[in-house]
Amino acid sequence: MFILTVNNIRQLAKRNYFQMPDNQMIFFGLRGCLPLRDNSSQFKEGHEMEVIPYDHIHARCTLGQYHPEKGIAVFPGSTVPYMDYIRSSLEQGGSGANLLMTGYYANYHKGWHNEGRNTGHRAFRQDGYLPVRRTSDDLNYDNDDRIDYTRPYDNLHAGWCMGVDNDHFSSAGCQVVIGFPQCVKRNDAPDIGPWKIFKGNAYAIEQEDFYYMLLTGREAQEVALNQGNKLSVRLRFGSKGELVRTLQTRLKELNYYEGDTDDEFEARTLKALLKFQEDYFGKDADDGIVGPITASALNIDWTSENLNS
């Protein structure tokens, strides 16, 4: 068990070189982590959390909202696809289901999920190009599975799920919150469950677009339990800063990165890094994240930061 605080969310962003907007709500996801209290959907300074192995049958993740003035609210849900969709995707070479990579994503905007269908409901739509893993050989997503940089439409919506012990939720790769939506299929009955509160919080403000920070529960726990010690930084999709330019420059020197260098970790940087990791460490080690080991292999002086400063 650990307590996730407002400051921890800021620390996670700092450690990963994610630039959080001022005076805006952001969404966050913690893969393999659940709130411990029923009142977790209230904005507070901190919430008790538990790291727990995720699966593709039960909702074993947390979706959260950070508000610079109100605090954080956390909701049980899932950031992984449901097993039935994975099984079906194997018949299509992995298409039809995906696992969104951890990172920092822009433009989850108010809109419709499944618009035009009887399950269509107001949610948060993502129609940009995102890096996702697809499995074509088994029912697990591993580092040796391919990564597509595509438009998977991994929206954030209601999970059609009663609770964390229920053995079903609705996601082929979207981010979902436990509960049920207002839609034609439900005879226009109101939103219900944690989803009702999550949606209500965001739709009640004028903000239209939201950043989404997706990490793992273990990463959140490491930051939350850190006693003021320096932690090594991480770079991954969505990172931004001069350290990203340093990474690109080194990958370019090794003939992995093409084009001009900048300070944004986007598709070109990810593809170059994955190829380097695969060549240097093997196919099962290309996680798309730069930490001390990958930095050492690239001969980059790595840094640790006091996240409390």
Protein backbone atom coordinates (compact mmCIF):
# COMPACT_ATOMS: atom_id res chain seq x y z
CA MET A 1 0.00 0.00 0.00
CA PHE A 2 1.13 3.55 -0.65
CA ILE A 3 -0.41 7.00 -0.64
CA LEU A 4 -0.48 8.76 -3.98
CA THR A 5 -0.42 12.53 -3.55
CA VAL A 6 -0.83 15.60 -5.71
CA ASN A 7 2.91 16.17 -5.41
CA ASN A 8 3.60 12.61 -6.60
CA ILE A 9 1.77 13.31 -9.86
CA ARG A 10 3.97 16.37 -10.38
CA GLN A 11 7.05 14.28 -9.51
CA LEU A 12 6.12 11.57 -12.01
CA ALA A 13 5.81 14.22 -14.71
CA LYS A 14 9.16 15.74 -13.75
CA ARG A 15 10.95 12.38 -13.69
CA ASN A 16 9.72 11.57 -17.21
CA TYR A 17 10.25 15.05 -18.64
CA PHE A 18 6.53 15.50 -19.23
CA GLN A 19 5.52 19.14 -19.37
CA MET A 20 2.26 19.63 -17.48
CA PRO A 21 0.12 22.62 -18.48
CA ASP A 22 -0.54 25.33 -15.92
CA ASN A 23 -4.02 25.70 -14.45
CA GLN A 24 -5.52 22.75 -16.32
CA MET A 25 -6.92 19.37 -15.40
CA ILE A 26 -4.97 16.41 -16.72
CA PHE A 27 -5.89 12.74 -16.80
CA PHE A 28 -3.54 10.00 -15.68
CA GLY A 29 -3.54 6.21 -15.80
CA LEU A 30 -1.70 3.73 -13.57
CA ARG A 31 -1.48 0.26 -15.09
CA GLY A 32 -1.60 -2.47 -12.47
CA CYS A 33 -2.81 -0.37 -9.53
CA LEU A 34 -6.13 0.17 -7.72
CA PRO A 35 -7.56 2.63 -5.20
CA LEU A 36 -8.20 1.11 -1.77
CA ARG A 37 -11.10 3.30 -0.66
CA ASP A 38 -14.64 3.79 -1.95
CA ASN A 39 -14.30 7.58 -1.56
CA SER A 40 -11.34 7.73 -3.94
CA SER A 41 -13.44 9.59 -6.52
CA GLN A 42 -13.37 12.69 -4.31
CA PHE A 43 -10.72 15.31 -5.03
CA LYS A 44 -8.23 15.10 -2.17
CA GLU A 45 -4.56 15.72 -1.45
CA GLY A 46 -3.84 11.99 -1.54
CA HIS A 47 -5.36 8.51 -1.82
CA GLU A 48 -4.38 5.06 -0.59
CA MET A 49 -3.38 2.83 -3.50
CA GLU A 50 -2.28 -0.76 -4.03
CA VAL A 51 -0.06 -2.20 -6.75
CA ILE A 52 -1.74 -5.30 -8.17
CA PRO A 53 -0.97 -7.44 -11.23
CA TYR A 54 -3.19 -6.50 -14.14
CA ASP A 55 -4.92 -9.04 -16.33
CA HIS A 56 -7.22 -8.88 -19.33
CA ILE A 57 -10.30 -10.17 -17.50
CA HIS A 58 -10.79 -7.78 -14.58
CA ALA A 59 -10.42 -4.02 -14.21
CA ARG A 60 -7.03 -3.79 -12.51
CA CYS A 61 -5.90 -0.25 -13.29
CA THR A 62 -6.57 3.28 -12.13
CA LEU A 63 -7.72 6.29 -14.12
CA GLY A 64 -7.22 9.59 -12.37
CA GLN A 65 -7.77 13.32 -12.61
CA TYR A 66 -5.27 15.90 -11.41
CA HIS A 67 -6.50 19.44 -10.80
CA PRO A 68 -3.92 22.00 -9.64
CA GLU A 69 -6.41 23.60 -7.22
CA LYS A 70 -8.66 20.70 -6.16
CA GLY A 71 -6.20 17.80 -5.82
CA ILE A 72 -6.46 14.32 -7.32
CA ALA A 73 -9.37 11.93 -7.77
CA VAL A 74 -8.83 8.28 -8.67
CA PHE A 75 -11.18 5.76 -10.25
CA PRO A 76 -10.94 1.99 -10.83
CA GLY A 77 -10.81 1.00 -14.48
CA SER A 78 -8.56 -0.53 -17.10
CA THR A 79 -5.80 0.61 -19.45
CA VAL A 80 -5.50 -2.75 -21.24
CA PRO A 81 -7.72 -4.60 -23.72
CA TYR A 82 -10.22 -7.26 -22.67
CA MET A 83 -9.33 -10.90 -23.39
CA ASP A 84 -12.10 -11.56 -25.92
CA TYR A 85 -10.82 -8.74 -28.13
CA ILE A 86 -7.28 -10.09 -27.94
CA ARG A 87 -8.45 -13.55 -29.01
CA SER A 88 -10.32 -12.10 -31.95
CA SER A 89 -7.33 -9.97 -32.95
CA LEU A 90 -5.09 -13.02 -33.34
CA GLU A 91 -7.17 -14.03 -36.36
CA GLN A 92 -6.30 -10.64 -37.92
CA GLY A 93 -2.58 -10.68 -37.21
CA GLY A 94 -3.03 -8.55 -34.10
CA SER A 95 -5.33 -5.92 -35.56
CA GLY A 96 -8.49 -5.19 -33.61
CA ALA A 97 -6.88 -4.91 -30.17
CA ASN A 98 -3.90 -3.04 -28.82
CA LEU A 99 -1.98 -2.09 -25.69
CA LEU A 100 -1.26 1.64 -25.49
CA MET A 101 2.38 2.22 -24.53
CA THR A 102 3.13 4.20 -21.41
CA GLY A 103 3.80 7.85 -22.19
CA TYR A 104 2.26 11.29 -22.33
CA TYR A 105 -0.51 11.97 -24.80
CA ALA A 106 -2.19 15.17 -25.89
CA ASN A 107 -5.70 15.92 -27.08
CA TYR A 108 -8.10 13.65 -25.27
CA HIS A 109 -11.03 15.88 -26.05
CA LYS A 110 -14.69 15.93 -25.18
CA GLY A 111 -16.58 14.01 -27.83
CA TRP A 112 -18.33 10.76 -28.64
CA HIS A 113 -17.28 7.16 -28.24
CA ASN A 114 -18.99 4.82 -30.73
CA GLU A 115 -20.96 7.69 -32.21
CA GLY A 116 -23.90 6.46 -34.31
CA ARG A 117 -24.20 3.12 -32.46
CA ASN A 118 -26.65 2.24 -29.72
CA THR A 119 -23.72 2.16 -27.27
CA GLY A 120 -22.50 5.62 -28.33
CA HIS A 121 -21.97 8.03 -25.45
CA ARG A 122 -20.27 11.27 -24.54
CA ALA A 123 -16.71 10.52 -23.51
CA PHE A 124 -13.15 11.65 -24.31
CA ARG A 125 -11.99 11.01 -27.85
CA GLN A 126 -8.42 10.47 -29.02
CA ASP A 127 -7.97 10.39 -32.80
CA GLY A 128 -4.25 11.14 -33.05
CA TYR A 129 -1.37 8.85 -33.98
CA LEU A 130 -0.27 6.79 -30.98
CA PRO A 131 2.27 3.99 -30.39
CA VAL A 132 0.53 0.71 -29.54
CA ARG A 133 1.65 -2.89 -29.19
CA ARG A 134 -0.12 -5.65 -31.07
CA THR A 135 0.24 -9.35 -30.41
CA SER A 136 -0.08 -11.91 -33.19
CA ASP A 137 1.34 -15.03 -31.51
CA ASP A 138 -0.24 -15.34 -28.07
CA LEU A 139 -2.61 -13.68 -25.60
CA ASN A 140 0.05 -11.55 -23.91
CA TYR A 141 1.67 -8.26 -24.86
CA ASP A 142 5.44 -8.63 -24.61
CA ASN A 143 8.39 -6.49 -25.60
CA ASP A 144 8.96 -8.70 -28.63
CA ASP A 145 5.49 -7.89 -29.99
CA ARG A 146 5.39 -5.31 -32.74
CA ILE A 147 4.64 -1.65 -32.19
CA ASP A 148 2.39 0.19 -34.62
CA TYR A 149 2.33 3.96 -34.78
CA THR A 150 -1.20 4.47 -35.96
CA ARG A 151 -4.63 5.93 -35.19
CA PRO A 152 -6.14 3.29 -32.89
CA TYR A 153 -8.86 5.63 -31.55
CA ASP A 154 -8.02 4.65 -27.98
CA ASN A 155 -10.69 6.79 -26.40
CA LEU A 156 -11.39 7.17 -22.68
CA HIS A 157 -14.92 5.98 -21.96
CA ALA A 158 -17.24 4.02 -19.70
CA GLY A 159 -16.12 0.45 -19.03
CA TRP A 160 -19.52 -1.30 -19.00
CA CYS A 161 -18.35 -2.95 -15.81
CA MET A 162 -19.87 -3.36 -12.32
CA GLY A 163 -16.65 -3.41 -10.32
CA VAL A 164 -13.10 -4.68 -9.93
CA ASP A 165 -14.29 -8.25 -9.24
CA ASN A 166 -16.49 -8.38 -12.32
CA ASP A 167 -15.00 -10.61 -15.04
CA HIS A 168 -15.83 -8.33 -17.94
CA PHE A 169 -15.10 -4.84 -19.18
CA SER A 170 -15.44 -3.25 -22.60
CA SER A 171 -12.14 -2.25 -24.20
CA ALA A 172 -10.18 -3.29 -27.26
CA GLY A 173 -7.43 -0.88 -26.22
CA CYS A 174 -9.29 2.16 -24.91
CA GLN A 175 -8.86 3.54 -21.43
CA VAL A 176 -12.01 2.81 -19.43
CA VAL A 177 -13.54 3.71 -16.07
CA ILE A 178 -15.84 1.33 -14.20
CA GLY A 179 -19.52 2.16 -14.61
CA PHE A 180 -22.13 2.48 -17.36
CA PRO A 181 -22.89 5.33 -19.76
CA GLN A 182 -26.02 7.15 -20.80
CA CYS A 183 -26.84 5.77 -24.25
CA VAL A 184 -29.59 4.32 -26.45
CA LYS A 185 -28.75 0.74 -25.43
CA ARG A 186 -29.53 1.65 -21.81
CA ASN A 187 -32.75 3.46 -22.81
CA ASP A 188 -31.01 6.78 -22.12
CA ALA A 189 -30.66 5.99 -18.41
CA PRO A 190 -28.16 8.36 -16.71
CA ASP A 191 -24.45 7.63 -16.35
CA ILE A 192 -23.76 5.54 -13.28
CA GLY A 193 -20.83 4.44 -11.13
CA PRO A 194 -17.33 5.94 -10.99
CA TRP A 195 -17.70 6.80 -14.69
CA LYS A 196 -20.48 9.23 -13.84
CA ILE A 197 -18.18 11.17 -11.52
CA PHE A 198 -15.15 11.05 -13.82
CA LYS A 199 -17.12 12.34 -16.77
CA GLY A 200 -19.00 14.87 -14.64
CA ASN A 201 -15.80 16.37 -13.22
CA ALA A 202 -14.33 17.02 -16.67
CA TYR A 203 -17.51 18.07 -18.46
CA ALA A 204 -18.29 20.56 -15.69
CA ILE A 205 -15.33 22.74 -16.64
CA GLU A 206 -14.77 24.77 -19.80
CA GLN A 207 -11.58 22.92 -20.74
CA GLU A 208 -12.07 20.90 -23.94
CA ASP A 209 -8.76 19.03 -24.33
CA PHE A 210 -6.85 17.02 -21.75
CA TYR A 211 -3.35 15.59 -21.52
CA TYR A 212 -3.14 11.95 -20.46
CA MET A 213 -0.14 10.59 -18.54
CA LEU A 214 0.02 6.78 -18.61
CA LEU A 215 2.52 4.99 -16.36
CA THR A 216 2.57 1.86 -14.20
CA GLY A 217 1.51 1.41 -10.62
CA ARG A 218 5.03 0.33 -9.68
CA GLU A 219 6.44 3.59 -11.04
CA ALA A 220 3.95 5.57 -8.98
CA GLN A 221 4.77 3.51 -5.89
CA GLU A 222 8.51 4.07 -6.33
CA VAL A 223 8.03 7.84 -6.41
CA ALA A 224 5.50 7.85 -3.56
CA LEU A 225 7.75 5.80 -1.24
CA ASN A 226 10.94 7.67 -2.10
CA GLN A 227 12.29 9.48 0.95
CA GLY A 228 13.83 12.49 -0.75
CA ASN A 229 16.53 10.51 -2.54
CA LYS A 230 17.46 11.28 -6.11
CA LEU A 231 15.81 9.05 -8.71
CA SER A 232 17.15 8.45 -12.20
CA VAL A 233 15.11 10.12 -14.90
CA ARG A 234 13.24 8.40 -17.70
CA LEU A 235 12.59 9.35 -21.30
CA ARG A 236 9.71 7.86 -23.26
CA PHE A 237 7.01 8.87 -25.72
CA GLY A 238 5.84 12.38 -24.85
CA SER A 239 9.01 13.49 -23.03
CA LYS A 240 10.32 16.92 -23.90
CA GLY A 241 13.56 18.79 -23.20
CA GLU A 242 17.26 19.06 -24.00
CA LEU A 243 17.90 15.52 -22.77
CA VAL A 244 15.65 14.31 -25.60
CA ARG A 245 17.80 16.23 -28.08
CA THR A 246 20.90 14.57 -26.58
CA LEU A 247 19.26 11.18 -27.09
CA GLN A 248 18.36 11.97 -30.70
CA THR A 249 21.88 13.23 -31.43
CA ARG A 250 23.47 10.06 -30.12
CA LEU A 251 21.03 7.83 -32.02
CA LYS A 252 21.78 9.83 -35.15
CA GLU A 253 25.53 9.35 -34.67
CA LEU A 254 24.86 5.60 -34.57
CA ASN A 255 22.73 5.78 -37.75
CA TYR A 256 19.43 5.00 -36.04
CA TYR A 257 17.79 8.43 -36.08
CA GLU A 258 17.02 10.32 -39.29
CA GLY A 259 16.12 13.97 -39.74
CA ASP A 260 16.63 17.06 -37.63
CA THR A 261 17.00 16.84 -33.88
CA ASP A 262 14.60 18.67 -31.58
CA ASP A 263 13.48 18.35 -27.99
CA GLU A 264 10.36 16.20 -28.48
CA PHE A 265 10.19 12.43 -28.01
CA GLU A 266 7.74 11.49 -30.75
CA ALA A 267 7.46 8.81 -33.43
CA ARG A 268 10.88 9.18 -35.06
CA THR A 269 12.66 9.06 -31.72
CA LEU A 270 10.65 6.06 -30.58
CA LYS A 271 11.29 4.07 -33.76
CA ALA A 272 15.02 4.81 -33.60
CA LEU A 273 15.23 3.87 -29.92
CA LEU A 274 13.32 0.62 -30.39
CA LYS A 275 15.64 -0.45 -33.21
CA PHE A 276 18.70 0.37 -31.12
CA GLN A 277 17.37 -1.54 -28.10
CA GLU A 278 16.50 -4.55 -30.25
CA ASP A 279 19.95 -4.61 -31.87
CA TYR A 280 21.84 -4.06 -28.62
CA PHE A 281 19.79 -6.01 -26.07
CA GLY A 282 17.57 -8.35 -28.11
CA LYS A 283 13.96 -8.42 -29.32
CA ASP A 284 12.50 -8.91 -25.84
CA ALA A 285 14.17 -5.78 -24.40
CA ASP A 286 12.85 -3.00 -26.64
CA ASP A 287 10.56 -1.24 -24.19
CA GLY A 288 10.94 2.24 -25.72
CA ILE A 289 12.08 3.74 -22.41
CA VAL A 290 15.47 5.29 -21.73
CA GLY A 291 16.78 4.67 -18.23
CA PRO A 292 20.31 4.13 -16.88
CA ILE A 293 20.96 0.84 -18.74
CA THR A 294 19.93 2.09 -22.19
CA ALA A 295 21.70 5.41 -21.55
CA SER A 296 24.89 3.55 -20.66
CA ALA A 297 24.67 1.49 -23.85
CA LEU A 298 24.31 4.75 -25.78
CA ASN A 299 27.25 6.25 -23.88
CA ILE A 300 25.10 9.10 -22.58
CA ASP A 301 25.86 10.59 -19.17
CA TRP A 302 22.60 9.97 -17.31
CA THR A 303 21.11 12.06 -14.59
CA SER A 304 19.25 11.64 -11.35
CA GLU A 305 17.05 14.32 -9.87
CA ASN A 306 15.72 15.27 -6.50
CA LEU A 307 12.04 15.27 -7.37
CA ASN A 308 11.21 17.36 -4.33
CA SER A 309 13.16 20.37 -5.56
